[in-house]
Amino acid sequence: MGTRKIIIPERLKVNLFTDFAQGQSTIADGRTGTRNYQSFGFDLTSQFHFMRLSQQLEIGVRGIYKASEQQFIFQPLVIDIGF
């Protein structure tokens, strides 16, 4: 049995995003500090049928770059299990 019969792809989607936030805190001696947070990334998802079942599934991966920490993060996504 080949993979064409196990996973039947329907659609591939890519979404781009960016976030910006600013935080402010007060230290015990009364001083305040401000910090900027920025991240951007992508969602890559695919809709498919598994083993010719009628329910459509949508899973993917999210890639995030946290600019303030100079760090890449990847997260699995389960968007929809069509029941």
Foldseek 3Di string as FASTA:
>chain_A
DDVCQFKPWDDKDKDKDKDKDKDKDADPVGDIDIDIWIKIWMWIKTWIDGNPDPWIWIKTKIWMQTVVVRDIDIDIGGDDGGD
